[in-house]
Protein backbone atom coordinates (compact mmCIF):
# COMPACT_ATOMS: atom_id res chain seq x y z
CA MET A 1 3.30 27.52 -9.36
CA LEU A 2 1.67 26.09 -12.88
CA PRO A 3 5.22 25.80 -15.42
CA GLU A 4 4.09 28.04 -18.26
CA THR A 5 4.26 25.67 -21.04
CA LEU A 6 5.29 22.07 -21.30
CA THR A 7 8.72 22.84 -22.17
CA GLU A 8 9.16 24.39 -18.92
CA PRO A 9 10.92 21.89 -16.38
CA PRO A 10 8.44 21.35 -13.01
CA LYS A 11 9.90 23.46 -10.40
CA GLY A 12 11.64 21.43 -8.13
CA LEU A 13 13.47 18.83 -10.48
CA GLY A 14 17.01 19.65 -9.89
CA GLY A 15 16.89 21.43 -7.03
CA PHE A 16 13.94 23.34 -5.24
CA HIS A 17 13.96 27.32 -4.15
CA GLY A 18 10.63 28.08 -3.13
CA SER A 19 9.69 29.83 -0.21
CA TRP A 20 10.13 28.84 3.65
CA ALA A 21 6.65 27.89 4.35
CA MET A 22 6.29 25.34 1.50
CA GLN A 23 10.20 24.17 2.43
CA THR A 24 8.90 23.54 6.16
CA ILE A 25 5.69 21.71 4.54
CA MET A 26 7.46 19.24 2.74
CA ILE A 27 9.91 18.51 5.45
CA VAL A 28 6.98 17.88 7.24
CA PHE A 29 5.93 15.38 4.78
CA THR A 30 9.45 13.84 4.50
CA ALA A 31 9.86 13.42 8.19
CA LEU A 32 6.10 11.76 8.68
CA ALA A 33 6.88 9.38 5.53
CA LEU A 34 9.91 8.20 7.24
CA TYR A 35 8.35 7.88 11.20
CA ASN A 36 5.93 6.00 9.39
CA ALA A 37 7.92 3.54 7.55
CA ILE A 38 9.98 2.64 10.44
CA GLU A 39 7.27 2.22 13.13
CA LEU A 40 5.46 0.10 10.47
CA PHE A 41 8.82 -2.13 10.18
CA ILE A 42 8.75 -2.76 13.52
CA LEU A 43 4.87 -3.85 13.85
CA ILE A 44 5.29 -5.77 11.00
CA LEU A 45 7.46 -7.69 12.68
CA ILE A 46 6.20 -8.06 15.82
CA THR A 47 2.67 -8.42 14.15
CA PHE A 48 2.93 -11.20 12.22
CA GLN A 49 4.05 -14.74 13.71
CA ARG A 50 5.32 -15.71 10.42
CA TYR A 51 7.31 -14.05 7.99
CA LYS A 52 6.24 -15.61 5.07
CA GLY A 53 3.22 -14.60 2.78
CA LEU A 54 2.84 -12.22 -0.12
CA TYR A 55 0.66 -10.20 2.04
CA PHE A 56 3.95 -9.89 5.02
CA LEU A 57 6.87 -9.40 2.04
CA ALA A 58 4.51 -6.76 0.21
CA MET A 59 4.17 -4.86 3.48
CA LEU A 60 7.95 -5.25 4.33
CA VAL A 61 9.42 -4.70 0.81
CA THR A 62 7.03 -1.28 0.47
CA SER A 63 7.41 -0.39 3.44
CA VAL A 64 11.23 -0.13 3.95
CA PHE A 65 12.86 -0.24 0.42
CA GLY A 66 9.55 1.62 -1.04
CA VAL A 67 8.57 4.62 1.25
CA ILE A 68 11.96 5.87 2.77
CA PRO A 69 14.45 5.67 -0.25
CA HIS A 70 11.39 7.72 -2.12
CA ALA A 71 11.47 10.19 1.09
CA ILE A 72 15.27 10.36 1.29
CA GLY A 73 15.67 10.70 -2.85
CA TYR A 74 13.72 13.77 -3.35
CA LEU A 75 15.49 15.45 0.09
CA LEU A 76 18.01 14.94 -1.36
CA GLU A 77 17.26 16.30 -4.67
CA PHE A 78 14.99 19.26 -3.85
CA TRP A 79 17.79 20.33 -1.22
CA SER A 80 20.83 19.79 -3.36
CA ILE A 81 22.63 17.30 -0.92
CA GLY A 82 25.15 15.40 -3.17
CA PRO A 83 25.40 15.28 -6.60
CA LEU A 84 21.67 15.14 -8.69
CA TRP A 85 22.28 11.50 -9.76
CA LEU A 86 22.44 10.43 -6.20
CA GLY A 87 18.90 11.84 -5.69
CA LEU A 88 17.38 10.85 -8.77
CA THR A 89 18.48 7.10 -7.94
CA ILE A 90 17.89 6.92 -4.76
CA SER A 91 14.23 8.47 -5.59
CA THR A 92 13.75 5.95 -8.40
CA ILE A 93 14.48 3.19 -6.74
CA GLY A 94 12.04 3.97 -4.12
CA PHE A 95 9.07 4.88 -7.03
CA TYR A 96 10.10 1.68 -8.22
CA ILE A 97 9.18 -0.56 -5.42
CA MET A 98 6.63 1.79 -3.27
CA ILE A 99 4.03 2.53 -6.06
CA PRO A 100 3.61 -1.04 -7.72
CA GLY A 101 4.22 -2.37 -4.20
CA GLN A 102 1.13 -0.50 -2.72
CA SER A 103 -0.49 -2.27 -5.24
CA VAL A 104 0.47 -5.90 -5.04
CA VAL A 105 -0.52 -5.06 -1.57
CA LEU A 106 -4.36 -4.35 -1.91
CA TYR A 107 -4.15 -7.15 -4.36
CA SER A 108 -3.05 -9.77 -1.98
CA ARG A 109 -6.20 -9.37 0.66
CA LEU A 110 -8.39 -9.51 -2.16
CA HIS A 111 -7.92 -13.23 -2.02
CA LEU A 112 -10.09 -12.41 1.76
CA VAL A 113 -13.47 -11.80 -0.20
CA VAL A 114 -12.86 -12.52 -3.76
CA GLN A 115 -13.24 -16.30 -5.16
CA ASN A 116 -12.59 -15.96 -9.22
CA PRO A 117 -9.39 -16.84 -9.92
CA LYS A 118 -9.83 -14.92 -13.26
CA VAL A 119 -10.11 -11.64 -11.56
CA LEU A 120 -7.64 -12.56 -9.56
CA ARG A 121 -5.20 -13.40 -12.29
CA GLY A 122 -6.66 -10.07 -14.36
CA VAL A 123 -5.19 -8.22 -10.87
CA ILE A 124 -2.08 -8.90 -10.75
CA ILE A 125 -1.45 -9.11 -14.86
CA LEU A 126 -2.68 -5.62 -14.69
CA ILE A 127 0.09 -5.14 -12.20
CA ILE A 128 2.72 -6.01 -14.19
CA VAL A 129 1.79 -4.90 -17.23
CA ASP A 130 1.21 -1.01 -16.10
CA ALA A 131 4.53 -1.38 -14.08
CA VAL A 132 6.91 -2.13 -17.37
CA ILE A 133 4.79 0.11 -19.60
CA LEU A 134 4.87 2.99 -17.28
CA LEU A 135 8.00 3.08 -14.65
CA ILE A 136 10.58 2.78 -17.73
CA PRO A 137 9.54 5.71 -20.10
CA THR A 138 9.10 7.92 -16.68
CA THR A 139 12.54 6.65 -15.78
CA VAL A 140 14.37 7.75 -18.62
CA LEU A 141 12.74 10.70 -19.02
CA THR A 142 13.55 11.82 -15.34
CA PHE A 143 16.70 11.30 -15.80
CA SER A 144 16.68 13.03 -19.61
CA SER A 145 14.57 16.14 -18.15
CA ALA A 146 17.65 16.33 -15.43
CA TYR A 147 20.72 16.34 -17.39
CA VAL A 148 19.88 16.71 -21.37
CA GLY A 149 16.76 19.08 -20.62
CA SER A 150 15.75 19.71 -24.39
CA PRO A 151 12.18 21.14 -25.23
CA THR A 152 11.24 17.84 -26.28
CA VAL A 153 11.79 15.94 -23.59
CA VAL A 154 10.49 17.82 -21.16
CA THR A 155 7.39 18.17 -22.76
CA ALA A 156 7.27 14.39 -22.73
CA TYR A 157 8.41 14.28 -19.36
CA ASN A 158 5.75 16.52 -18.42
CA VAL A 159 3.25 14.63 -20.38
CA MET A 160 4.09 11.44 -18.39
CA GLU A 161 4.76 12.46 -15.21
CA PRO A 162 0.56 13.22 -14.57
CA LEU A 163 -0.06 10.31 -16.86
CA GLN A 164 1.97 7.87 -14.70
CA LEU A 165 0.28 9.02 -11.88
CA THR A 166 -3.44 8.97 -12.83
CA TRP A 167 -2.86 5.63 -14.64
CA PHE A 168 -1.72 4.12 -11.05
CA CYS A 169 -4.35 6.31 -8.80
CA ALA A 170 -7.37 4.68 -11.59
CA GLN A 171 -5.59 0.90 -10.90
CA GLU A 172 -5.38 1.13 -7.26
CA PHE A 173 -8.95 2.67 -7.80
CA LEU A 174 -9.88 -0.25 -9.55
CA ILE A 175 -8.56 -3.04 -6.76
CA SER A 176 -10.44 -1.17 -4.02
CA GLY A 177 -13.35 -1.09 -6.22
CA ILE A 178 -13.33 -4.53 -7.06
CA TYR A 179 -12.76 -5.07 -2.76
CA ILE A 180 -15.71 -2.39 -2.01
CA TYR A 181 -18.06 -4.29 -4.52
CA GLU A 182 -17.37 -7.72 -2.70
CA THR A 183 -17.15 -6.45 0.71
CA ILE A 184 -20.57 -5.09 -0.26
CA LYS A 185 -21.58 -8.38 -1.06
CA LEU A 186 -20.53 -10.51 1.49
CA LEU A 187 -22.58 -7.62 4.20
CA ARG A 188 -25.43 -8.26 2.75
CA LEU A 189 -25.11 -12.07 3.17
CA MET A 190 -24.29 -11.68 6.63
CA PRO A 191 -27.41 -12.21 9.34
CA HIS A 192 -28.78 -9.04 9.87
CA GLN A 193 -28.62 -9.94 13.66
CA ASN A 194 -24.95 -9.89 13.88
CA SER A 195 -24.80 -5.78 14.27
CA ASN A 196 -20.83 -6.00 15.14
CA ARG A 197 -20.30 -7.49 11.73
CA ASN A 198 -21.78 -5.39 9.93
CA GLN A 199 -20.25 -2.72 11.88
CA ILE A 200 -16.79 -3.96 11.03
CA MET A 201 -17.77 -4.13 7.40
CA TYR A 202 -18.41 -1.05 7.15
CA GLU A 203 -15.20 0.13 8.57
CA LEU A 204 -13.27 -1.76 6.34
CA LEU A 205 -15.05 0.33 3.67
CA ALA A 206 -14.32 3.56 5.69
CA ILE A 207 -10.95 3.08 5.13
CA ASN A 208 -10.73 1.94 1.57
CA PHE A 209 -12.46 5.49 0.57
CA ILE A 210 -9.96 7.60 2.66
CA ILE A 211 -7.29 5.48 0.83
CA ILE A 212 -9.25 6.71 -2.59
CA LEU A 213 -9.85 10.37 -1.27
CA MET A 214 -5.49 10.30 -0.14
CA ASP A 215 -4.89 9.26 -3.95
CA ILE A 216 -6.94 11.92 -5.38
CA ALA A 217 -5.92 14.72 -3.33
CA LEU A 218 -2.26 13.66 -4.51
CA LEU A 219 -4.02 13.82 -8.30
CA VAL A 220 -4.87 17.53 -7.56
CA LEU A 221 -1.36 18.51 -6.28
CA GLU A 222 -0.17 17.36 -9.74
CA TYR A 223 -2.36 18.76 -11.77
CA ILE A 224 -2.21 22.32 -9.87
CA GLY A 225 1.64 22.16 -11.07
CA LEU A 226 2.73 21.72 -7.18
CA TYR A 227 5.31 19.28 -7.83
CA PRO A 228 7.52 19.42 -4.89
CA LEU A 229 4.57 19.28 -2.36
CA GLN A 230 2.80 16.34 -4.23
CA THR A 231 6.24 14.23 -4.81
CA THR A 232 7.11 14.50 -1.01
CA LEU A 233 3.46 14.00 0.02
CA LYS A 234 3.20 11.16 -1.84
CA SER A 235 5.49 9.33 0.37
CA ALA A 236 3.85 10.45 3.32
CA VAL A 237 0.57 9.23 1.91
CA TYR A 238 1.84 5.88 1.21
CA SER A 239 3.22 5.48 4.08
CA VAL A 240 -0.29 5.97 6.03
CA LYS A 241 -2.13 3.97 3.39
CA LEU A 242 0.33 0.88 4.26
CA LYS A 243 -0.48 1.81 7.96
CA LEU A 244 -4.22 1.42 7.56
CA GLU A 245 -3.34 -1.80 5.72
CA LEU A 246 -2.51 -2.83 9.52
CA GLY A 247 -6.10 -1.66 10.39
CA VAL A 248 -7.99 -3.31 7.30
CA LEU A 249 -6.20 -6.92 8.12
CA GLY A 250 -7.05 -6.91 11.65
CA LYS A 251 -10.76 -6.06 10.58
CA LEU A 252 -10.90 -9.06 8.17
CA VAL A 253 -9.36 -11.46 11.28
CA ASP A 254 -11.90 -9.96 13.34
CA LEU A 255 -15.05 -10.40 10.43
CA VAL A 256 -14.47 -14.22 10.47
CA GLN A 257 -13.68 -15.09 14.52
CA PRO A 258 -16.23 -15.33 17.03
CA HIS A 259 -17.31 -12.72 19.44
CA ARG A 260 -13.93 -12.43 21.42
CA THR A 261 -15.96 -13.79 24.80
CA GLY A 262 -16.75 -16.75 23.27
CA GLN A 263 -15.71 -19.84 21.79
CA PHE A 264 -15.72 -21.28 18.30
CA SER A 265 -19.30 -22.31 17.64
CA SER A 266 -19.88 -25.58 16.10
CA ASP A 267 -21.66 -24.03 13.15
CA HIS A 268 -19.83 -22.39 10.45
CA SER A 269 -22.50 -22.05 8.35
CA GLU A 270 -22.24 -17.61 8.48
CA LEU A 271 -18.79 -17.78 8.10
CA PRO A 272 -18.03 -17.08 4.18
CA ALA A 273 -17.16 -20.13 1.76
CA PHE A 274 -13.77 -19.14 1.38
CA VAL A 275 -12.57 -19.03 5.49
CA ASP A 276 -11.40 -22.16 7.00
CA PRO A 277 -12.52 -21.82 10.60
CA SER A 278 -9.85 -23.92 11.67
CA GLN A 279 -7.35 -21.69 10.64
CA ILE A 280 -9.30 -18.39 12.15
CA THR A 281 -6.68 -16.67 14.97
CA SER A 282 -8.08 -13.91 17.18
CA ASP A 283 -6.86 -10.22 17.62
CA PHE A 284 -4.67 -8.99 15.25
CA THR A 285 -4.13 -5.64 15.87
CA HIS A 286 -1.65 -6.94 19.08
CA ALA A 287 1.64 -8.47 19.09
CA ALA A 288 1.66 -11.77 21.30
CA PRO A 289 4.68 -12.17 23.97
CA ALA A 290 7.32 -14.71 22.47
CA GLU A 291 6.83 -18.27 23.95
CA THR A 292 8.13 -21.78 23.16
CA ARG A 293 4.76 -23.87 21.51
CA GLY A 294 4.54 -27.83 20.92
CA PRO A 295 3.23 -28.88 17.54
CA HIS A 296 -0.32 -29.34 19.03
CA THR A 297 -0.59 -26.22 21.59
CA ARG A 298 -3.04 -23.40 20.43
CA ARG A 299 -1.88 -20.32 18.92
CA PRO A 300 -1.81 -17.32 21.00
CA ARG A 301 -4.80 -15.16 21.28
CA ASN A 302 -3.10 -12.31 19.90
CA HIS A 303 -0.70 -12.78 17.72
CA ILE A 304 -1.56 -13.92 13.72
CA SER A 305 0.07 -15.43 10.47
CA MET A 306 -0.15 -14.93 6.96
CA GLU A 307 -0.92 -18.98 6.97
CA SER A 308 -4.36 -18.08 8.92
CA LEU A 309 -5.53 -15.91 6.31
CA TYR A 310 -4.82 -17.87 3.43
CA PRO A 311 -5.38 -21.54 4.36
CA SER A 312 -4.51 -22.85 0.72
CA MET A 313 -1.25 -20.81 1.16
CA SER A 314 -0.54 -22.37 4.61
CA ARG A 315 -1.27 -26.05 3.18
CA GLU A 316 1.10 -25.03 0.29
CA LEU A 317 3.79 -23.52 2.83
CA SER A 318 3.37 -26.64 5.06
CA ARG A 319 4.54 -29.18 2.16
CA PRO A 320 7.59 -30.65 3.00
CA PRO A 321 10.62 -29.87 0.54
């Protein structure tokens, strides 16, 4: 499956004619990505109380306008459905949104554990700069390899493709690493007698390590030359990572709230400094039934809004225009 030289285009670029078993696996990955993206769209809409905030928008846009076009585009390209430019264009649109979008999702929840504005500013600058310097050259080389196909262009593409994948994975490793580091710091500050919080912290760390392992799997497939398998698996992996994000957020809400059977304590000294106790809601993982609430009515226990996670954002959004 490995190309003999850098001047040989990756198998699958412009149409895939591999084994039946490989095609079946690719179809399964594509179907999984599409199913997860549709399910995510529904879960996001019924989970969040307010349809605003960076986290909500990043999750919604990445799943709907990132994962779905990326999966469909490669489906059209590999099975030669329609003109080549159509599959390339759709997959490129998904690529532009899905890859940086996942990093924005990771960045948006850094606010919950990182209090240093310089770190947060540095991360978002890194995401923007990497998107500009990697997405544009990759797009140009992808279309050039498909339509020009000269040895120079194909060689440049074969160098750029694994480079951009490695770079974006390293970017996600960095953001996840910052999150893990800050989470461990919080874990050490938690009271030893509160085993529930410790368990939640460990679950958060486990989820982040799973996300990192999935990125490593993509890198392995890329470097052993399984380009068609890597690109179809990528859509599925990113859809799974987005679903795990909902679990991460739910655990974070559980982390900063009291036990479900008790009321809020009058002493909030155990909560991190960046948490506004008055903004904490309860279990995030189940959507609440719709109901009419007055301005002073208590929020449903099973519903969450992004403002409850970002008090400063809540105050900003609540300002009159």
